[in-house]
Amino acid sequence: MIEVMVCANDRDRYPALVDPADLRDGYVRPWFDLATVRRIAADTQTDAARHGHGSIDTVHVLDGTVDRTTHAVVLVICWMYLGGEKTEQAAEILQPRDGRYAVGGHDWQWYALDGDQNPLISFQPDAV
């Protein structure tokens, strides 16, 4: 895993870890720490309020305590799936791996950025 900046919308950039071998059509699957997931959650919810939920998947971080242990649950809602054939797939609970979450996975078409913030599609680690 290597650390890079990633983007999925030509605007919002986030630090993430990516596996250079885990590509789909040149796009990466980023793994974000919880603080970054909270930023993504705020950004997606702001975008949905501005542009409508029908075009934006939203991320939510739910915090709670069970037996004096604090937990965070990361939930992704695909609003476009609601009311259709994929209703059961509209909500996804992300499972962390080593404390990181793969928000959007390959479906969001995340791309890595080089040092000048230019897209690297197809991703090559030596270009970072």
Protein backbone atom coordinates (compact mmCIF):
# COMPACT_ATOMS: atom_id res chain seq x y z
CA MET A 1 0.00 0.00 0.00
CA ILE A 2 1.22 3.48 -0.82
CA GLU A 3 -0.07 6.87 0.28
CA VAL A 4 -1.50 9.13 -2.42
CA MET A 5 -4.06 11.88 -2.89
CA VAL A 6 -7.21 10.71 -4.67
CA CYS A 7 -10.20 12.35 -6.30
CA ALA A 8 -13.47 11.12 -7.83
CA ASN A 9 -15.14 14.37 -8.93
CA ASP A 10 -12.40 16.75 -10.16
CA ARG A 11 -12.89 18.84 -7.01
CA ASP A 12 -12.53 17.07 -3.66
CA ARG A 13 -9.13 15.57 -2.86
CA TYR A 14 -8.38 13.19 -0.01
CA PRO A 15 -5.33 11.33 1.33
CA ALA A 16 -5.61 7.56 1.05
CA LEU A 17 -3.70 4.32 0.87
CA VAL A 18 -3.94 2.36 -2.37
CA ASP A 19 -2.68 -1.01 -3.53
CA PRO A 20 -1.09 -0.47 -6.97
CA ALA A 21 -2.18 -4.00 -7.94
CA ASP A 22 -5.85 -3.26 -7.13
CA LEU A 23 -6.90 -1.30 -10.22
CA ARG A 24 -9.98 -1.40 -12.41
CA ASP A 25 -9.67 0.32 -15.79
CA GLY A 26 -6.84 2.43 -14.36
CA TYR A 27 -8.82 3.60 -11.32
CA VAL A 28 -7.77 2.85 -7.73
CA ARG A 29 -9.60 1.54 -4.67
CA PRO A 30 -8.62 3.99 -1.90
CA TRP A 31 -8.59 3.13 1.79
CA PHE A 32 -9.31 6.13 4.04
CA ASP A 33 -8.75 6.70 7.75
CA LEU A 34 -11.83 7.59 9.82
CA ALA A 35 -11.06 11.32 9.95
CA THR A 36 -11.00 11.43 6.14
CA VAL A 37 -14.20 9.37 5.96
CA ARG A 38 -15.85 12.01 8.13
CA ARG A 39 -14.75 14.69 5.61
CA ILE A 40 -16.11 12.62 2.72
CA ALA A 41 -19.37 12.18 4.65
CA ALA A 42 -19.72 15.93 5.16
CA ASP A 43 -18.89 16.65 1.51
CA THR A 44 -21.32 14.07 0.09
CA GLN A 45 -24.14 15.23 2.35
CA THR A 46 -23.53 18.86 1.35
CA ASP A 47 -23.55 17.89 -2.35
CA ALA A 48 -26.78 15.90 -1.93
CA ALA A 49 -28.47 18.85 -0.21
CA ARG A 50 -27.33 21.15 -3.01
CA HIS A 51 -27.95 18.90 -6.05
CA GLY A 52 -30.51 16.37 -4.82
CA HIS A 53 -30.14 12.92 -3.38
CA GLY A 54 -30.98 11.21 -6.65
CA SER A 55 -27.56 11.90 -8.10
CA ILE A 56 -25.25 11.64 -5.08
CA ASP A 57 -24.35 8.64 -2.93
CA THR A 58 -24.00 9.86 0.65
CA VAL A 59 -21.66 8.64 3.36
CA HIS A 60 -22.64 8.68 7.04
CA VAL A 61 -20.59 7.98 10.16
CA LEU A 62 -22.66 6.83 13.12
CA ASP A 63 -20.98 6.90 16.53
CA GLY A 64 -22.06 4.91 19.53
CA THR A 65 -20.89 3.23 22.69
CA VAL A 66 -21.48 -0.40 23.61
CA ASP A 67 -20.21 -1.71 26.95
CA ARG A 68 -18.09 1.43 27.41
CA THR A 69 -16.37 0.86 24.04
CA THR A 70 -16.80 3.53 21.36
CA HIS A 71 -17.64 2.36 17.86
CA ALA A 72 -18.04 4.05 14.49
CA VAL A 73 -20.25 2.60 11.77
CA VAL A 74 -19.69 3.85 8.22
CA LEU A 75 -22.76 3.68 6.03
CA VAL A 76 -23.07 4.50 2.32
CA ILE A 77 -26.50 5.21 0.85
CA CYS A 78 -27.04 4.89 -2.90
CA TRP A 79 -30.22 6.95 -3.19
CA MET A 80 -30.68 6.04 -6.86
CA TYR A 81 -31.34 2.42 -5.85
CA LEU A 82 -34.28 3.27 -3.61
CA GLY A 83 -37.69 2.44 -5.03
CA GLY A 84 -36.32 0.24 -7.79
CA GLU A 85 -35.07 -3.26 -8.38
CA LYS A 86 -31.93 -2.67 -6.30
CA THR A 87 -33.63 -1.40 -3.13
CA GLU A 88 -31.90 -4.06 -1.01
CA GLN A 89 -28.52 -2.76 -2.22
CA ALA A 90 -29.24 0.90 -1.41
CA ALA A 91 -27.45 0.81 1.97
CA GLU A 92 -23.99 -0.61 2.57
CA ILE A 93 -22.16 -0.87 5.88
CA LEU A 94 -18.43 -0.60 5.23
CA GLN A 95 -16.16 -2.97 7.10
CA PRO A 96 -12.82 -1.46 8.12
CA ARG A 97 -9.54 -3.11 7.24
CA ASP A 98 -6.67 -2.07 9.50
CA GLY A 99 -8.75 0.93 10.61
CA ARG A 100 -9.41 2.13 7.04
CA TYR A 101 -12.51 2.15 4.87
CA ALA A 102 -12.81 1.67 1.09
CA VAL A 103 -15.48 4.33 0.50
CA GLY A 104 -16.93 3.91 -2.98
CA GLY A 105 -14.45 1.19 -3.89
CA HIS A 106 -13.96 1.01 -7.63
CA ASP A 107 -17.57 2.07 -8.33
CA TRP A 108 -16.80 5.73 -7.63
CA GLN A 109 -13.91 5.70 -10.12
CA TRP A 110 -11.35 7.17 -7.76
CA TYR A 111 -8.14 8.24 -9.45
CA ALA A 112 -4.78 8.98 -7.92
CA LEU A 113 -3.19 12.41 -8.33
CA ASP A 114 0.43 13.21 -9.05
CA GLY A 115 2.40 15.84 -7.13
CA ASP A 116 0.92 18.60 -9.29
CA GLN A 117 -2.64 17.31 -8.59
CA ASN A 118 -3.04 15.93 -12.13
CA PRO A 119 -5.05 12.70 -12.63
CA LEU A 120 -3.07 9.48 -12.99
CA ILE A 121 -5.32 7.23 -15.08
CA SER A 122 -4.03 4.53 -15.41
CA PHE A 123 -2.29 4.70 -12.05
CA GLN A 124 1.47 4.14 -12.01
CA PRO A 125 3.10 4.34 -8.53
CA ASP A 126 6.34 5.80 -9.86
CA ALA A 127 4.41 8.85 -11.17
CA VAL A 128 3.42 9.96 -7.66
